[in-house]
Amino acid sequence: MELIPLLKDKRILLGVTGSVAAYKAAALASHLTQAGALVDVVLTEAGTRFVAPLTFEALTGRPAYTDMWRTPGEGLPTHIAHVGLAEAADLLIIAPVTAHTLAKLAAGLADNLLTTLTLAASCPLLLAPAMDCGMWAHPATQSNVNILRERGAHFAGPVR
C-alpha cells in the first residue's frame, strides 16, 4: 500500500471495544500502519474477547494496551504513564464503539484505559458505532450520541 502523506508519521490511537465487529479493527490497524501512521491500539477487556492483543501487535509492530498500568511505548510522555498515549495522539479512533462505551463517554466515566485516555485526549475523536439496530435507535443511545457530537466527536456509521 502506498504511503498517504496525510497519515505519514501521525500517531493514531485506536480503541477497540467488545463488539463482534472488533475483527474489523485489525484490518483498520493494518491499513493505517501501511499508510505510514504509528498506530497504538487500546483494547477494553471485552475487546480482548473478540481479538487478541497479539494480533494488533503483529499488525502494527507496536505494543497493544489493555490496562492503565502498563508503561507506554518509547517516545511517549511518562509523567503519567496511562495518559501519555492520549497526549501523544494526533487522532483517537474507537472502532468499534459499543452502546456501553458510548454511554460511558457521554457520562464522562474513566473506569478503564480507553475511557480514561478519551477523557485525557485533546486530539480529534472519531467513533464508529457497532451494535444491534434496536440498541442504536434507542433514545438513550441517541441522547449519548448527541452529547458526544456537541462535545466535538465525529461519527462514522453505523453501517448495516
N, C-alpha and C. Protein backbone atom coordinates (compact mmCIF):
# COMPACT_ATOMS: atom_id res chain seq x y z
N MET A 1 0.84 -1.18 0.00
CA MET A 1 0.00 0.00 0.00
C MET A 1 0.89 1.24 0.00
N GLU A 2 0.50 2.21 -0.76
CA GLU A 2 1.24 3.46 -0.88
C GLU A 2 1.06 4.30 0.38
N LEU A 3 2.14 4.97 0.79
CA LEU A 3 2.04 5.86 1.93
C LEU A 3 1.13 7.03 1.59
N ILE A 4 0.30 7.39 2.53
CA ILE A 4 -0.59 8.54 2.36
C ILE A 4 0.04 9.69 3.15
N PRO A 5 0.49 10.75 2.46
CA PRO A 5 1.20 11.83 3.15
C PRO A 5 0.48 12.37 4.38
N LEU A 6 -0.82 12.44 4.34
CA LEU A 6 -1.60 12.95 5.46
C LEU A 6 -1.40 12.11 6.72
N LEU A 7 -1.18 10.81 6.56
CA LEU A 7 -1.04 9.90 7.70
C LEU A 7 0.40 9.60 8.08
N LYS A 8 1.35 9.92 7.23
CA LYS A 8 2.75 9.57 7.48
C LYS A 8 3.21 10.14 8.82
N ASP A 9 3.68 9.25 9.67
CA ASP A 9 4.22 9.57 10.99
C ASP A 9 3.20 10.18 11.95
N LYS A 10 1.93 10.12 11.62
CA LYS A 10 0.89 10.58 12.56
C LYS A 10 0.67 9.48 13.59
N ARG A 11 0.44 9.89 14.83
CA ARG A 11 0.17 8.94 15.90
C ARG A 11 -1.33 8.78 16.03
N ILE A 12 -1.79 7.58 15.76
CA ILE A 12 -3.21 7.29 15.85
C ILE A 12 -3.44 6.31 16.98
N LEU A 13 -4.34 6.67 17.86
CA LEU A 13 -4.73 5.82 18.96
C LEU A 13 -6.02 5.13 18.53
N LEU A 14 -6.00 3.81 18.44
CA LEU A 14 -7.15 3.03 18.00
C LEU A 14 -7.71 2.26 19.18
N GLY A 15 -8.93 2.61 19.59
CA GLY A 15 -9.61 1.91 20.67
C GLY A 15 -10.50 0.82 20.11
N VAL A 16 -10.50 -0.33 20.76
CA VAL A 16 -11.29 -1.48 20.31
C VAL A 16 -12.12 -1.97 21.49
N THR A 17 -13.45 -1.97 21.31
CA THR A 17 -14.34 -2.40 22.38
C THR A 17 -14.96 -3.75 22.04
N GLY A 18 -15.78 -4.26 22.96
CA GLY A 18 -16.31 -5.61 22.86
C GLY A 18 -17.51 -5.77 21.96
N SER A 19 -17.29 -5.71 20.69
CA SER A 19 -18.33 -5.92 19.68
C SER A 19 -17.86 -7.01 18.73
N VAL A 20 -18.82 -7.73 18.17
CA VAL A 20 -18.46 -8.74 17.19
C VAL A 20 -17.73 -8.10 16.01
N ALA A 21 -17.91 -6.81 15.80
CA ALA A 21 -17.23 -6.10 14.71
C ALA A 21 -15.77 -5.79 15.04
N ALA A 22 -15.29 -6.20 16.20
CA ALA A 22 -13.91 -5.91 16.60
C ALA A 22 -12.89 -6.47 15.61
N TYR A 23 -13.23 -7.55 14.94
CA TYR A 23 -12.27 -8.12 13.98
C TYR A 23 -11.94 -7.13 12.86
N LYS A 24 -12.87 -6.22 12.56
CA LYS A 24 -12.62 -5.23 11.51
C LYS A 24 -11.56 -4.23 11.93
N ALA A 25 -11.38 -4.05 13.23
CA ALA A 25 -10.36 -3.12 13.73
C ALA A 25 -8.96 -3.61 13.37
N ALA A 26 -8.79 -4.92 13.26
CA ALA A 26 -7.48 -5.45 12.87
C ALA A 26 -7.12 -4.99 11.46
N ALA A 27 -8.07 -5.05 10.55
CA ALA A 27 -7.83 -4.57 9.18
C ALA A 27 -7.57 -3.07 9.17
N LEU A 28 -8.31 -2.32 9.98
CA LEU A 28 -8.11 -0.88 10.06
C LEU A 28 -6.71 -0.57 10.57
N ALA A 29 -6.28 -1.25 11.62
CA ALA A 29 -4.93 -1.04 12.16
C ALA A 29 -3.88 -1.35 11.10
N SER A 30 -4.07 -2.41 10.36
CA SER A 30 -3.13 -2.78 9.31
C SER A 30 -3.07 -1.72 8.21
N HIS A 31 -4.23 -1.26 7.75
CA HIS A 31 -4.27 -0.25 6.68
C HIS A 31 -3.63 1.06 7.13
N LEU A 32 -3.92 1.49 8.35
CA LEU A 32 -3.34 2.73 8.87
C LEU A 32 -1.82 2.61 8.98
N THR A 33 -1.35 1.47 9.44
CA THR A 33 0.09 1.24 9.57
C THR A 33 0.75 1.24 8.19
N GLN A 34 0.15 0.55 7.24
CA GLN A 34 0.69 0.51 5.88
C GLN A 34 0.70 1.89 5.23
N ALA A 35 -0.21 2.76 5.67
CA ALA A 35 -0.27 4.12 5.13
C ALA A 35 0.75 5.05 5.78
N GLY A 36 1.52 4.52 6.74
CA GLY A 36 2.58 5.31 7.35
C GLY A 36 2.30 5.84 8.73
N ALA A 37 1.12 5.56 9.28
CA ALA A 37 0.78 6.03 10.62
C ALA A 37 1.42 5.14 11.68
N LEU A 38 1.66 5.73 12.84
CA LEU A 38 2.09 4.98 14.02
C LEU A 38 0.83 4.70 14.81
N VAL A 39 0.44 3.44 14.90
CA VAL A 39 -0.84 3.07 15.48
C VAL A 39 -0.63 2.39 16.83
N ASP A 40 -1.18 2.99 17.87
CA ASP A 40 -1.20 2.39 19.20
C ASP A 40 -2.61 1.91 19.45
N VAL A 41 -2.75 0.64 19.80
CA VAL A 41 -4.07 0.04 19.99
C VAL A 41 -4.34 -0.15 21.47
N VAL A 42 -5.54 0.25 21.88
CA VAL A 42 -6.01 0.08 23.25
C VAL A 42 -7.29 -0.74 23.19
N LEU A 43 -7.29 -1.88 23.87
CA LEU A 43 -8.47 -2.74 23.89
C LEU A 43 -9.11 -2.73 25.27
N THR A 44 -10.44 -2.70 25.30
CA THR A 44 -11.12 -2.92 26.56
C THR A 44 -11.04 -4.41 26.88
N GLU A 45 -11.38 -4.75 28.11
CA GLU A 45 -11.37 -6.17 28.47
C GLU A 45 -12.30 -6.96 27.55
N ALA A 46 -13.48 -6.40 27.28
CA ALA A 46 -14.42 -7.07 26.38
C ALA A 46 -13.86 -7.16 24.96
N GLY A 47 -13.11 -6.15 24.54
CA GLY A 47 -12.50 -6.17 23.22
C GLY A 47 -11.54 -7.34 23.05
N THR A 48 -10.83 -7.68 24.14
CA THR A 48 -9.87 -8.79 24.06
C THR A 48 -10.56 -10.14 23.91
N ARG A 49 -11.85 -10.20 24.16
CA ARG A 49 -12.60 -11.45 23.99
C ARG A 49 -12.89 -11.73 22.52
N PHE A 50 -12.76 -10.70 21.70
CA PHE A 50 -13.02 -10.85 20.26
C PHE A 50 -11.74 -10.90 19.43
N VAL A 51 -10.73 -10.11 19.82
CA VAL A 51 -9.45 -10.09 19.10
C VAL A 51 -8.34 -10.00 20.14
N ALA A 52 -7.35 -10.86 20.03
CA ALA A 52 -6.24 -10.87 20.98
C ALA A 52 -5.31 -9.68 20.75
N PRO A 53 -4.77 -9.10 21.83
CA PRO A 53 -3.81 -8.00 21.68
C PRO A 53 -2.64 -8.36 20.77
N LEU A 54 -2.21 -9.61 20.80
CA LEU A 54 -1.09 -10.04 19.96
C LEU A 54 -1.37 -9.81 18.48
N THR A 55 -2.61 -9.93 18.07
CA THR A 55 -2.98 -9.67 16.67
C THR A 55 -2.59 -8.25 16.28
N PHE A 56 -2.95 -7.29 17.13
CA PHE A 56 -2.65 -5.89 16.83
C PHE A 56 -1.16 -5.61 16.92
N GLU A 57 -0.47 -6.27 17.85
CA GLU A 57 0.98 -6.09 17.96
C GLU A 57 1.67 -6.57 16.69
N ALA A 58 1.20 -7.69 16.15
CA ALA A 58 1.80 -8.21 14.92
C ALA A 58 1.52 -7.30 13.73
N LEU A 59 0.34 -6.72 13.68
CA LEU A 59 -0.05 -5.87 12.55
C LEU A 59 0.60 -4.48 12.58
N THR A 60 0.80 -3.95 13.78
CA THR A 60 1.32 -2.58 13.90
C THR A 60 2.80 -2.51 14.25
N GLY A 61 3.33 -3.62 14.77
CA GLY A 61 4.72 -3.60 15.23
C GLY A 61 4.89 -2.81 16.52
N ARG A 62 3.80 -2.56 17.22
CA ARG A 62 3.81 -1.77 18.45
C ARG A 62 3.04 -2.52 19.52
N PRO A 63 3.28 -2.19 20.80
CA PRO A 63 2.52 -2.86 21.86
C PRO A 63 1.03 -2.53 21.78
N ALA A 64 0.20 -3.46 22.19
CA ALA A 64 -1.23 -3.21 22.36
C ALA A 64 -1.47 -3.08 23.86
N TYR A 65 -2.32 -2.15 24.23
CA TYR A 65 -2.54 -1.85 25.65
C TYR A 65 -3.91 -2.32 26.09
N THR A 66 -3.96 -2.90 27.30
CA THR A 66 -5.21 -3.40 27.83
C THR A 66 -5.50 -2.92 29.25
N ASP A 67 -4.53 -2.32 29.90
CA ASP A 67 -4.78 -1.83 31.25
C ASP A 67 -4.02 -0.53 31.50
N MET A 68 -4.43 0.19 32.53
CA MET A 68 -3.88 1.52 32.78
C MET A 68 -2.47 1.50 33.35
N TRP A 69 -1.97 0.39 33.75
CA TRP A 69 -0.72 0.39 34.49
C TRP A 69 0.47 -0.11 33.70
N ARG A 70 0.28 -0.37 32.42
CA ARG A 70 1.41 -0.76 31.57
C ARG A 70 2.13 0.49 31.10
N THR A 71 3.45 0.46 31.14
CA THR A 71 4.25 1.60 30.73
C THR A 71 4.05 1.88 29.25
N PRO A 72 3.92 3.16 28.87
CA PRO A 72 3.74 3.47 27.45
C PRO A 72 4.99 3.16 26.65
N GLY A 73 4.82 3.12 25.35
CA GLY A 73 5.93 2.82 24.45
C GLY A 73 6.96 3.92 24.39
N GLU A 74 8.03 3.63 23.73
CA GLU A 74 9.13 4.56 23.57
C GLU A 74 8.66 5.86 22.90
N GLY A 75 9.16 6.97 23.41
CA GLY A 75 8.84 8.26 22.83
C GLY A 75 7.54 8.87 23.33
N LEU A 76 6.88 8.21 24.30
CA LEU A 76 5.65 8.76 24.84
C LEU A 76 5.93 9.43 26.18
N PRO A 77 5.14 10.46 26.52
CA PRO A 77 5.32 11.09 27.83
C PRO A 77 5.14 10.06 28.93
N THR A 78 5.97 10.11 29.96
CA THR A 78 5.90 9.09 31.02
C THR A 78 5.52 9.66 32.37
N HIS A 79 5.28 10.97 32.48
CA HIS A 79 4.98 11.51 33.79
C HIS A 79 3.70 10.93 34.38
N ILE A 80 2.75 10.62 33.57
CA ILE A 80 1.56 9.87 33.97
C ILE A 80 1.40 8.81 32.89
N ALA A 81 1.93 7.64 33.16
CA ALA A 81 2.10 6.64 32.10
C ALA A 81 0.82 6.35 31.33
N HIS A 82 -0.30 6.18 32.01
CA HIS A 82 -1.50 5.78 31.29
C HIS A 82 -2.17 6.92 30.54
N VAL A 83 -1.69 8.14 30.69
CA VAL A 83 -2.24 9.26 29.94
C VAL A 83 -1.29 9.66 28.81
N GLY A 84 -0.07 9.17 28.84
CA GLY A 84 0.92 9.51 27.82
C GLY A 84 0.46 9.19 26.41
N LEU A 85 -0.26 8.10 26.25
CA LEU A 85 -0.78 7.74 24.92
C LEU A 85 -1.72 8.82 24.40
N ALA A 86 -2.58 9.34 25.27
CA ALA A 86 -3.54 10.37 24.85
C ALA A 86 -2.83 11.66 24.48
N GLU A 87 -1.81 12.02 25.23
CA GLU A 87 -1.10 13.27 24.98
C GLU A 87 -0.33 13.23 23.66
N ALA A 88 0.09 12.05 23.26
CA ALA A 88 0.90 11.92 22.04
C ALA A 88 0.05 11.75 20.78
N ALA A 89 -1.24 11.45 20.93
CA ALA A 89 -2.09 11.10 19.78
C ALA A 89 -2.46 12.31 18.93
N ASP A 90 -2.42 12.11 17.61
CA ASP A 90 -2.93 13.10 16.66
C ASP A 90 -4.41 12.85 16.35
N LEU A 91 -4.86 11.62 16.56
CA LEU A 91 -6.24 11.24 16.29
C LEU A 91 -6.58 10.04 17.16
N LEU A 92 -7.77 10.05 17.75
CA LEU A 92 -8.28 8.91 18.51
C LEU A 92 -9.48 8.35 17.76
N ILE A 93 -9.37 7.09 17.38
CA ILE A 93 -10.46 6.38 16.71
C ILE A 93 -10.91 5.26 17.63
N ILE A 94 -12.20 5.16 17.88
CA ILE A 94 -12.72 4.00 18.60
C ILE A 94 -13.61 3.25 17.62
N ALA A 95 -13.12 2.08 17.20
CA ALA A 95 -13.80 1.30 16.17
C ALA A 95 -13.59 -0.19 16.46
N PRO A 96 -14.58 -0.89 16.85
CA PRO A 96 -15.96 -0.45 17.01
C PRO A 96 -16.16 0.18 18.39
N VAL A 97 -17.19 1.01 18.50
CA VAL A 97 -17.59 1.53 19.80
C VAL A 97 -18.99 1.00 20.09
N THR A 98 -19.15 0.41 21.25
CA THR A 98 -20.43 -0.19 21.65
C THR A 98 -21.33 0.86 22.31
N ALA A 99 -22.60 0.51 22.47
CA ALA A 99 -23.53 1.38 23.19
C ALA A 99 -23.04 1.60 24.61
N HIS A 100 -22.47 0.57 25.20
CA HIS A 100 -21.94 0.66 26.56
C HIS A 100 -20.84 1.72 26.66
N THR A 101 -19.89 1.67 25.75
CA THR A 101 -18.80 2.63 25.78
C THR A 101 -19.29 4.03 25.41
N LEU A 102 -20.22 4.14 24.48
CA LEU A 102 -20.80 5.46 24.17
C LEU A 102 -21.41 6.07 25.42
N ALA A 103 -22.13 5.27 26.20
CA ALA A 103 -22.75 5.77 27.43
C ALA A 103 -21.70 6.23 28.43
N LYS A 104 -20.63 5.45 28.57
CA LYS A 104 -19.55 5.84 29.48
C LYS A 104 -18.93 7.16 29.04
N LEU A 105 -18.66 7.29 27.75
CA LEU A 105 -18.03 8.51 27.25
C LEU A 105 -18.93 9.72 27.44
N ALA A 106 -20.22 9.56 27.18
CA ALA A 106 -21.17 10.66 27.35
C ALA A 106 -21.27 11.09 28.81
N ALA A 107 -21.13 10.12 29.72
CA ALA A 107 -21.21 10.42 31.15
C ALA A 107 -19.88 10.89 31.72
N GLY A 108 -18.82 10.80 30.93
CA GLY A 108 -17.51 11.22 31.42
C GLY A 108 -16.85 10.21 32.34
N LEU A 109 -17.24 8.95 32.25
CA LEU A 109 -16.64 7.92 33.09
C LEU A 109 -15.25 7.56 32.59
N ALA A 110 -14.36 7.30 33.53
CA ALA A 110 -12.99 6.90 33.19
C ALA A 110 -12.64 5.68 34.02
N ASP A 111 -13.26 4.55 33.70
CA ASP A 111 -13.09 3.35 34.51
C ASP A 111 -12.25 2.27 33.85
N ASN A 112 -11.69 2.56 32.68
CA ASN A 112 -10.74 1.65 32.05
C ASN A 112 -9.75 2.50 31.25
N LEU A 113 -8.77 1.87 30.68
CA LEU A 113 -7.74 2.63 29.96
C LEU A 113 -8.33 3.43 28.81
N LEU A 114 -9.21 2.84 28.03
CA LEU A 114 -9.74 3.53 26.86
C LEU A 114 -10.57 4.75 27.25
N THR A 115 -11.45 4.61 28.23
CA THR A 115 -12.27 5.76 28.62
C THR A 115 -11.42 6.83 29.30
N THR A 116 -10.41 6.43 30.03
CA THR A 116 -9.50 7.40 30.65
C THR A 116 -8.74 8.17 29.58
N LEU A 117 -8.22 7.47 28.59
CA LEU A 117 -7.49 8.14 27.51
C LEU A 117 -8.39 9.09 26.73
N THR A 118 -9.64 8.68 26.53
CA THR A 118 -10.56 9.53 25.79
C THR A 118 -10.80 10.84 26.53
N LEU A 119 -10.94 10.77 27.84
CA LEU A 119 -11.10 12.00 28.62
C LEU A 119 -9.85 12.86 28.58
N ALA A 120 -8.69 12.24 28.54
CA ALA A 120 -7.42 12.98 28.57
C ALA A 120 -7.00 13.52 27.21
N ALA A 121 -7.55 12.97 26.14
CA ALA A 121 -7.11 13.32 24.79
C ALA A 121 -7.61 14.70 24.37
N SER A 122 -6.74 15.44 23.70
CA SER A 122 -7.14 16.74 23.14
C SER A 122 -7.22 16.69 21.62
N CYS A 123 -6.94 15.54 21.05
CA CYS A 123 -6.98 15.36 19.59
C CYS A 123 -8.41 15.08 19.13
N PRO A 124 -8.66 15.12 17.83
CA PRO A 124 -9.99 14.77 17.31
C PRO A 124 -10.36 13.33 17.68
N LEU A 125 -11.67 13.13 17.88
CA LEU A 125 -12.22 11.82 18.25
C LEU A 125 -13.18 11.36 17.16
N LEU A 126 -12.91 10.17 16.62
CA LEU A 126 -13.77 9.55 15.61
C LEU A 126 -14.33 8.26 16.18
N LEU A 127 -15.65 8.15 16.21
CA LEU A 127 -16.32 6.99 16.77
C LEU A 127 -17.04 6.22 15.66
N ALA A 128 -16.86 4.91 15.65
CA ALA A 128 -17.52 4.04 14.67
C ALA A 128 -18.41 3.05 15.41
N PRO A 129 -19.68 3.43 15.63
CA PRO A 129 -20.59 2.57 16.39
C PRO A 129 -20.86 1.24 15.71
N ALA A 130 -20.98 0.20 16.52
CA ALA A 130 -21.33 -1.14 16.03
C ALA A 130 -22.19 -1.79 17.10
N MET A 131 -23.47 -1.95 16.77
CA MET A 131 -24.41 -2.54 17.73
C MET A 131 -25.67 -2.96 17.00
N ASP A 132 -26.52 -3.65 17.71
CA ASP A 132 -27.83 -4.05 17.21
C ASP A 132 -28.63 -2.80 16.83
N CYS A 133 -29.44 -2.91 15.78
CA CYS A 133 -30.23 -1.77 15.29
C CYS A 133 -31.13 -1.19 16.38
N GLY A 134 -31.72 -2.06 17.19
CA GLY A 134 -32.57 -1.60 18.28
C GLY A 134 -31.80 -0.80 19.31
N MET A 135 -30.59 -1.25 19.61
CA MET A 135 -29.74 -0.52 20.56
C MET A 135 -29.36 0.84 19.99
N TRP A 136 -29.01 0.87 18.71
CA TRP A 136 -28.63 2.14 18.08
C TRP A 136 -29.80 3.12 18.09
N ALA A 137 -31.01 2.64 17.82
CA ALA A 137 -32.18 3.51 17.74
C ALA A 137 -32.73 3.93 19.10
N HIS A 138 -32.30 3.27 20.16
CA HIS A 138 -32.84 3.56 21.49
C HIS A 138 -32.59 5.03 21.86
N PRO A 139 -33.59 5.68 22.47
CA PRO A 139 -33.43 7.09 22.84
C PRO A 139 -32.20 7.36 23.73
N ALA A 140 -31.86 6.44 24.60
CA ALA A 140 -30.69 6.65 25.45
C ALA A 140 -29.41 6.71 24.62
N THR A 141 -29.29 5.80 23.66
CA THR A 141 -28.11 5.80 22.79
C THR A 141 -28.07 7.06 21.95
N GLN A 142 -29.20 7.44 21.38
CA GLN A 142 -29.22 8.65 20.55
C GLN A 142 -28.91 9.90 21.38
N SER A 143 -29.36 9.92 22.63
CA SER A 143 -29.02 11.04 23.52
C SER A 143 -27.51 11.08 23.76
N ASN A 144 -26.91 9.92 23.98
CA ASN A 144 -25.46 9.86 24.19
C ASN A 144 -24.70 10.32 22.94
N VAL A 145 -25.18 9.91 21.78
CA VAL A 145 -24.56 10.33 20.52
C VAL A 145 -24.63 11.85 20.39
N ASN A 146 -25.79 12.42 20.69
CA ASN A 146 -25.95 13.88 20.60
C ASN A 146 -25.03 14.61 21.56
N ILE A 147 -24.90 14.10 22.77
CA ILE A 147 -23.99 14.70 23.75
C ILE A 147 -22.56 14.69 23.22
N LEU A 148 -22.14 13.55 22.70
CA LEU A 148 -20.77 13.43 22.19
C LEU A 148 -20.55 14.31 20.96
N ARG A 149 -21.54 14.41 20.09
CA ARG A 149 -21.43 15.31 18.93
C ARG A 149 -21.28 16.76 19.39
N GLU A 150 -22.07 17.15 20.39
CA GLU A 150 -21.99 18.52 20.93
C GLU A 150 -20.60 18.81 21.49
N ARG A 151 -19.93 17.78 21.97
CA ARG A 151 -18.57 17.94 22.51
C ARG A 151 -17.51 17.83 21.44
N GLY A 152 -17.92 17.66 20.19
CA GLY A 152 -16.97 17.67 19.09
C GLY A 152 -16.59 16.32 18.51
N ALA A 153 -17.18 15.24 19.02
CA ALA A 153 -16.87 13.91 18.47
C ALA A 153 -17.46 13.78 17.07
N HIS A 154 -16.76 13.04 16.23
CA HIS A 154 -17.21 12.75 14.87
C HIS A 154 -17.63 11.28 14.83
N PHE A 155 -18.62 10.99 13.99
CA PHE A 155 -19.14 9.63 13.88
C PHE A 155 -19.00 9.12 12.46
N ALA A 156 -18.64 7.84 12.35
CA ALA A 156 -18.60 7.12 11.07
C ALA A 156 -19.53 5.92 11.24
N GLY A 157 -20.68 5.97 10.62
CA GLY A 157 -21.63 4.87 10.73
C GLY A 157 -22.67 5.12 11.80
N PRO A 158 -23.40 4.10 12.21
CA PRO A 158 -23.14 2.70 11.91
C PRO A 158 -23.58 2.32 10.49
N VAL A 159 -22.97 1.27 10.01
CA VAL A 159 -23.27 0.76 8.68
C VAL A 159 -23.94 -0.59 8.85
N ARG A 160 -25.04 -0.79 8.16
CA ARG A 160 -25.73 -2.09 8.26
C ARG A 160 -25.24 -3.01 7.19
